[in-house]
């Protein structure tokens, strides 16, 4: 037997088989019962995986696997709870104190503040409370008091009484003066003159 030539040597050997890469199964294909389950998931997007799984008797992990395979967005349980509390906060009357809001929602004060912030609810600040209280106190004062009397009745200094009378437009009379009562003003010094 003679030796085969170079061209003959390559012809006898079979070409190497190229292995096919594994591919993911198509997203929108599947068995009929799988497609029915996917439709159930799509119809119940507002429910959690566990709740959907109870509908047709599978685990929440199986529902999650179908969501991933068919590209259906997940609706988390905590998102639903958050949205429910935000809706409850928006239904409350404005400017409730955080303690009262927490009591009505059945939450802690910190959690109630958190949901109120997310809902855009505005609490009355300490300054607003103080201003509101002072305004009520000044409205209750009889007309024609002097600044010293106003300060004593409100329990503040003369200067602070002057500022409150200016802010809330309370007309004071001047001690031992025949001039009509008016809103006080503070003389300001000119600086750098």
C-alpha atoms as a PDB file:
ATOM      1  CA  UNK A   1       0.000   0.000   0.000  1.00  0.00           C
ATOM      2  CA  UNK A   2       1.194   3.378  -0.914  1.00  0.00           C
ATOM      3  CA  UNK A   3       0.960   6.430   1.230  1.00  0.00           C
ATOM      4  CA  UNK A   4      -2.046   8.716   0.575  1.00  0.00           C
ATOM      5  CA  UNK A   5      -1.312  12.166  -0.722  1.00  0.00           C
ATOM      6  CA  UNK A   6      -2.031  15.259   1.339  1.00  0.00           C
ATOM      7  CA  UNK A   7      -5.270  16.010  -0.481  1.00  0.00           C
ATOM      8  CA  UNK A   8      -6.482  12.466   0.097  1.00  0.00           C
ATOM      9  CA  UNK A   9      -5.651  12.481   3.801  1.00  0.00           C
ATOM     10  CA  UNK A  10      -8.053  15.382   4.571  1.00  0.00           C
ATOM     11  CA  UNK A  11     -10.858  13.933   2.456  1.00  0.00           C
ATOM     12  CA  UNK A  12     -11.186  10.729   4.478  1.00  0.00           C
ATOM     13  CA  UNK A  13     -11.623  12.494   7.826  1.00  0.00           C
ATOM     14  CA  UNK A  14     -15.112  13.798   8.609  1.00  0.00           C
ATOM     15  CA  UNK A  15     -15.483  17.504   9.351  1.00  0.00           C
ATOM     16  CA  UNK A  16     -15.811  18.361  13.060  1.00  0.00           C
ATOM     17  CA  UNK A  17     -19.423  18.879  14.136  1.00  0.00           C
ATOM     18  CA  UNK A  18     -20.122  22.404  15.327  1.00  0.00           C
ATOM     19  CA  UNK A  19     -22.089  22.317  18.591  1.00  0.00           C
ATOM     20  CA  UNK A  20     -25.185  24.480  18.762  1.00  0.00           C
ATOM     21  CA  UNK A  21     -25.329  26.966  21.603  1.00  0.00           C
ATOM     22  CA  UNK A  22     -28.206  26.528  24.027  1.00  0.00           C
ATOM     23  CA  UNK A  23     -30.782  29.268  23.602  1.00  0.00           C
ATOM     24  CA  UNK A  24     -33.491  30.438  25.900  1.00  0.00           C
ATOM     25  CA  UNK A  25     -36.965  29.200  24.976  1.00  0.00           C
ATOM     26  CA  UNK A  26     -39.028  31.765  23.040  1.00  0.00           C
ATOM     27  CA  UNK A  27     -40.775  34.295  25.270  1.00  0.00           C
ATOM     28  CA  UNK A  28     -44.237  34.016  23.818  1.00  0.00           C
ATOM     29  CA  UNK A  29     -44.418  30.318  23.177  1.00  0.00           C
ATOM     30  CA  UNK A  30     -45.417  27.530  25.516  1.00  0.00           C
ATOM     31  CA  UNK A  31     -47.991  24.964  26.387  1.00  0.00           C
ATOM     32  CA  UNK A  32     -51.646  25.969  26.449  1.00  0.00           C
ATOM     33  CA  UNK A  33     -51.918  25.634  30.252  1.00  0.00           C
ATOM     34  CA  UNK A  34     -48.836  27.845  30.644  1.00  0.00           C
ATOM     35  CA  UNK A  35     -50.352  30.489  28.399  1.00  0.00           C
ATOM     36  CA  UNK A  36     -53.586  30.354  30.443  1.00  0.00           C
ATOM     37  CA  UNK A  37     -51.576  30.958  33.610  1.00  0.00           C
ATOM     38  CA  UNK A  38     -49.797  33.891  31.959  1.00  0.00           C
ATOM     39  CA  UNK A  39     -53.177  35.403  31.079  1.00  0.00           C
ATOM     40  CA  UNK A  40     -54.291  34.990  34.701  1.00  0.00           C
ATOM     41  CA  UNK A  41     -51.120  36.796  35.831  1.00  0.00           C
ATOM     42  CA  UNK A  42     -51.721  39.632  33.349  1.00  0.00           C
ATOM     43  CA  UNK A  43     -55.326  40.022  34.513  1.00  0.00           C
ATOM     44  CA  UNK A  44     -54.261  40.187  38.181  1.00  0.00           C
ATOM     45  CA  UNK A  45     -51.363  42.633  38.035  1.00  0.00           C
ATOM     46  CA  UNK A  46     -52.552  44.326  41.228  1.00  0.00           C
ATOM     47  CA  UNK A  47     -52.024  41.149  43.289  1.00  0.00           C
ATOM     48  CA  UNK A  48     -48.894  39.610  44.772  1.00  0.00           C
ATOM     49  CA  UNK A  49     -47.285  36.442  43.418  1.00  0.00           C
ATOM     50  CA  UNK A  50     -48.591  34.433  46.380  1.00  0.00           C
ATOM     51  CA  UNK A  51     -52.175  35.608  45.783  1.00  0.00           C
ATOM     52  CA  UNK A  52     -51.974  34.774  42.081  1.00  0.00           C
ATOM     53  CA  UNK A  53     -50.459  31.387  42.891  1.00  0.00           C
ATOM     54  CA  UNK A  54     -53.455  30.567  45.097  1.00  0.00           C
ATOM     55  CA  UNK A  55     -55.801  31.197  42.161  1.00  0.00           C
ATOM     56  CA  UNK A  56     -54.531  28.238  40.168  1.00  0.00           C
ATOM     57  CA  UNK A  57     -52.748  26.255  42.880  1.00  0.00           C
ATOM     58  CA  UNK A  58     -49.025  26.841  42.410  1.00  0.00           C
ATOM     59  CA  UNK A  59     -46.317  28.428  44.532  1.00  0.00           C
ATOM     60  CA  UNK A  60     -45.315  32.076  44.334  1.00  0.00           C
ATOM     61  CA  UNK A  61     -41.941  30.913  42.973  1.00  0.00           C
ATOM     62  CA  UNK A  62     -43.678  29.359  39.952  1.00  0.00           C
ATOM     63  CA  UNK A  63     -45.594  32.590  39.360  1.00  0.00           C
ATOM     64  CA  UNK A  64     -42.344  34.556  39.630  1.00  0.00           C
ATOM     65  CA  UNK A  65     -40.668  32.226  37.098  1.00  0.00           C
ATOM     66  CA  UNK A  66     -43.507  32.840  34.644  1.00  0.00           C
ATOM     67  CA  UNK A  67     -43.250  36.581  35.195  1.00  0.00           C
ATOM     68  CA  UNK A  68     -39.546  36.490  34.392  1.00  0.00           C
ATOM     69  CA  UNK A  69     -39.994  34.224  31.355  1.00  0.00           C
ATOM     70  CA  UNK A  70     -42.761  36.277  29.781  1.00  0.00           C
ATOM     71  CA  UNK A  71     -41.487  39.705  30.853  1.00  0.00           C
ATOM     72  CA  UNK A  72     -44.452  40.645  33.058  1.00  0.00           C
ATOM     73  CA  UNK A  73     -43.650  43.404  35.609  1.00  0.00           C
ATOM     74  CA  UNK A  74     -43.862  42.500  39.275  1.00  0.00           C
ATOM     75  CA  UNK A  75     -46.248  44.272  41.564  1.00  0.00           C
ATOM     76  CA  UNK A  76     -44.739  44.066  45.030  1.00  0.00           C
ATOM     77  CA  UNK A  77     -46.834  43.668  48.152  1.00  0.00           C
ATOM     78  CA  UNK A  78     -45.080  46.534  49.930  1.00  0.00           C
ATOM     79  CA  UNK A  79     -45.931  48.832  47.006  1.00  0.00           C
ATOM     80  CA  UNK A  80     -49.596  48.004  47.458  1.00  0.00           C
ATOM     81  CA  UNK A  81     -49.434  48.698  51.194  1.00  0.00           C
ATOM     82  CA  UNK A  82     -47.679  52.012  50.544  1.00  0.00           C
ATOM     83  CA  UNK A  83     -50.272  53.090  47.973  1.00  0.00           C
ATOM     84  CA  UNK A  84     -53.103  52.139  50.327  1.00  0.00           C
ATOM     85  CA  UNK A  85     -51.678  54.242  53.171  1.00  0.00           C
ATOM     86  CA  UNK A  86     -50.980  57.184  50.843  1.00  0.00           C
ATOM     87  CA  UNK A  87     -54.627  57.111  49.732  1.00  0.00           C
ATOM     88  CA  UNK A  88     -55.726  57.043  53.400  1.00  0.00           C
ATOM     89  CA  UNK A  89     -53.466  60.020  54.219  1.00  0.00           C
ATOM     90  CA  UNK A  90     -54.851  62.045  51.305  1.00  0.00           C
ATOM     91  CA  UNK A  91     -58.381  61.451  52.601  1.00  0.00           C
ATOM     92  CA  UNK A  92     -57.546  63.018  55.996  1.00  0.00           C
ATOM     93  CA  UNK A  93     -58.330  66.681  56.723  1.00  0.00           C
ATOM     94  CA  UNK A  94     -55.362  69.071  56.290  1.00  0.00           C
ATOM     95  CA  UNK A  95     -52.897  70.106  59.022  1.00  0.00           C
ATOM     96  CA  UNK A  96     -53.626  67.346  61.526  1.00  0.00           C
ATOM     97  CA  UNK A  97     -50.921  66.843  64.160  1.00  0.00           C
ATOM     98  CA  UNK A  98     -48.714  63.780  63.479  1.00  0.00           C
ATOM     99  CA  UNK A  99     -49.853  62.098  66.717  1.00  0.00           C
ATOM    100  CA  UNK A 100     -53.525  62.258  65.689  1.00  0.00           C
ATOM    101  CA  UNK A 101     -52.714  61.064  62.165  1.00  0.00           C
ATOM    102  CA  UNK A 102     -50.749  58.104  63.524  1.00  0.00           C
ATOM    103  CA  UNK A 103     -53.657  57.189  65.786  1.00  0.00           C
ATOM    104  CA  UNK A 104     -56.175  57.330  62.916  1.00  0.00           C
ATOM    105  CA  UNK A 105     -53.970  55.241  60.603  1.00  0.00           C
ATOM    106  CA  UNK A 106     -52.996  52.778  63.337  1.00  0.00           C
ATOM    107  CA  UNK A 107     -49.265  53.390  62.798  1.00  0.00           C
ATOM    108  CA  UNK A 108     -46.357  54.789  64.744  1.00  0.00           C
ATOM    109  CA  UNK A 109     -45.771  58.535  64.534  1.00  0.00           C
ATOM    110  CA  UNK A 110     -42.554  58.118  62.498  1.00  0.00           C
ATOM    111  CA  UNK A 111     -44.273  55.859  59.936  1.00  0.00           C
ATOM    112  CA  UNK A 112     -47.240  58.225  59.707  1.00  0.00           C
ATOM    113  CA  UNK A 113     -44.832  61.117  59.019  1.00  0.00           C
ATOM    114  CA  UNK A 114     -43.118  59.010  56.320  1.00  0.00           C
ATOM    115  CA  UNK A 115     -46.380  58.260  54.467  1.00  0.00           C
ATOM    116  CA  UNK A 116     -47.536  61.871  54.910  1.00  0.00           C
ATOM    117  CA  UNK A 117     -44.315  63.106  53.305  1.00  0.00           C
ATOM    118  CA  UNK A 118     -44.808  60.731  50.360  1.00  0.00           C
ATOM    119  CA  UNK A 119     -48.424  61.854  49.946  1.00  0.00           C
ATOM    120  CA  UNK A 120     -47.427  65.542  50.003  1.00  0.00           C
ATOM    121  CA  UNK A 121     -49.336  66.131  53.259  1.00  0.00           C
ATOM    122  CA  UNK A 122     -48.262  69.253  55.131  1.00  0.00           C
ATOM    123  CA  UNK A 123     -48.194  69.371  58.916  1.00  0.00           C
ATOM    124  CA  UNK A 124     -48.595  72.608  60.818  1.00  0.00           C
ATOM    125  CA  UNK A 125     -45.120  73.694  61.932  1.00  0.00           C
ATOM    126  CA  UNK A 126     -44.282  74.840  65.465  1.00  0.00           C
ATOM    127  CA  UNK A 127     -43.991  78.418  64.239  1.00  0.00           C
ATOM    128  CA  UNK A 128     -47.412  78.263  62.562  1.00  0.00           C
ATOM    129  CA  UNK A 129     -48.908  76.859  65.775  1.00  0.00           C
ATOM    130  CA  UNK A 130     -47.333  79.630  67.837  1.00  0.00           C
ATOM    131  CA  UNK A 131     -48.490  82.321  65.375  1.00  0.00           C
ATOM    132  CA  UNK A 132     -51.997  80.896  65.387  1.00  0.00           C
ATOM    133  CA  UNK A 133     -52.056  80.855  69.211  1.00  0.00           C
ATOM    134  CA  UNK A 134     -50.736  84.430  69.454  1.00  0.00           C
ATOM    135  CA  UNK A 135     -53.255  85.645  66.881  1.00  0.00           C
ATOM    136  CA  UNK A 136     -56.104  84.168  68.948  1.00  0.00           C
ATOM    137  CA  UNK A 137     -54.683  85.771  72.097  1.00  0.00           C
ATOM    138  CA  UNK A 138     -54.429  89.207  70.476  1.00  0.00           C
ATOM    139  CA  UNK A 139     -57.972  88.951  69.061  1.00  0.00           C
ATOM    140  CA  UNK A 140     -59.202  88.252  72.596  1.00  0.00           C
ATOM    141  CA  UNK A 141     -57.575  91.424  74.009  1.00  0.00           C
ATOM    142  CA  UNK A 142     -59.883  94.381  74.709  1.00  0.00           C
ATOM    143  CA  UNK A 143     -59.280  97.439  72.500  1.00  0.00           C
ATOM    144  CA  UNK A 144     -57.191 100.407  73.566  1.00  0.00           C
ATOM    145  CA  UNK A 145     -54.526  98.809  75.783  1.00  0.00           C
ATOM    146  CA  UNK A 146     -51.038 100.254  76.073  1.00  0.00           C
ATOM    147  CA  UNK A 147     -47.989  98.286  74.915  1.00  0.00           C
ATOM    148  CA  UNK A 148     -46.980  97.595  78.510  1.00  0.00           C
ATOM    149  CA  UNK A 149     -50.444  96.170  79.258  1.00  0.00           C
ATOM    150  CA  UNK A 150     -50.326  94.026  76.080  1.00  0.00           C
ATOM    151  CA  UNK A 151     -46.922  92.653  77.101  1.00  0.00           C
ATOM    152  CA  UNK A 152     -48.180  91.793  80.615  1.00  0.00           C
ATOM    153  CA  UNK A 153     -51.388  90.131  79.367  1.00  0.00           C
ATOM    154  CA  UNK A 154     -49.529  88.001  76.794  1.00  0.00           C
ATOM    155  CA  UNK A 155     -46.651  87.271  79.152  1.00  0.00           C
ATOM    156  CA  UNK A 156     -43.997  88.729  76.826  1.00  0.00           C
ATOM    157  CA  UNK A 157     -41.557  91.632  76.937  1.00  0.00           C
ATOM    158  CA  UNK A 158     -42.377  95.166  75.808  1.00  0.00           C
ATOM    159  CA  UNK A 159     -40.390  94.771  72.560  1.00  0.00           C
ATOM    160  CA  UNK A 160     -41.961  91.414  71.693  1.00  0.00           C
ATOM    161  CA  UNK A 161     -45.408  92.853  72.450  1.00  0.00           C
ATOM    162  CA  UNK A 162     -44.628  95.687  70.018  1.00  0.00           C
ATOM    163  CA  UNK A 163     -43.689  93.157  67.300  1.00  0.00           C
ATOM    164  CA  UNK A 164     -46.856  91.113  67.899  1.00  0.00           C
ATOM    165  CA  UNK A 165     -49.042  94.222  67.720  1.00  0.00           C
ATOM    166  CA  UNK A 166     -47.396  95.158  64.420  1.00  0.00           C
ATOM    167  CA  UNK A 167     -47.773  91.671  62.986  1.00  0.00           C
ATOM    168  CA  UNK A 168     -51.424  91.195  63.983  1.00  0.00           C
ATOM    169  CA  UNK A 169     -52.443  94.855  63.420  1.00  0.00           C
ATOM    170  CA  UNK A 170     -53.532  95.506  67.023  1.00  0.00           C
ATOM    171  CA  UNK A 171     -54.100  99.213  67.736  1.00  0.00           C
ATOM    172  CA  UNK A 172     -52.609 100.398  71.017  1.00  0.00           C
ATOM    173  CA  UNK A 173     -53.001 103.720  72.814  1.00  0.00           C
ATOM    174  CA  UNK A 174     -50.048 105.619  74.205  1.00  0.00           C
ATOM    175  CA  UNK A 175     -49.776 105.991  77.969  1.00  0.00           C
ATOM    176  CA  UNK A 176     -51.170 109.361  79.176  1.00  0.00           C
ATOM    177  CA  UNK A 177     -51.801 110.546  75.625  1.00  0.00           C
ATOM    178  CA  UNK A 178     -54.931 111.944  73.962  1.00  0.00           C
ATOM    179  CA  UNK A 179     -53.867 110.632  70.542  1.00  0.00           C
ATOM    180  CA  UNK A 180     -56.107 107.981  68.947  1.00  0.00           C
ATOM    181  CA  UNK A 181     -55.056 104.330  69.158  1.00  0.00           C
ATOM    182  CA  UNK A 182     -52.911 103.088  66.255  1.00  0.00           C
ATOM    183  CA  UNK A 183     -50.736 100.179  65.198  1.00  0.00           C
ATOM    184  CA  UNK A 184     -47.290 100.780  66.696  1.00  0.00           C
ATOM    185  CA  UNK A 185     -44.197 101.072  64.562  1.00  0.00           C
ATOM    186  CA  UNK A 186     -40.602 100.714  65.527  1.00  0.00           C
ATOM    187  CA  UNK A 187     -38.193 103.465  64.647  1.00  0.00           C
ATOM    188  CA  UNK A 188     -35.168 102.031  62.958  1.00  0.00           C
ATOM    189  CA  UNK A 189     -31.771 103.630  63.031  1.00  0.00           C
ATOM    190  CA  UNK A 190     -30.070 104.278  59.747  1.00  0.00           C
ATOM    191  CA  UNK A 191     -26.896 102.254  59.679  1.00  0.00           C
ATOM    192  CA  UNK A 192     -23.778 103.455  57.826  1.00  0.00           C
ATOM    193  CA  UNK A 193     -24.999 107.041  57.533  1.00  0.00           C
END
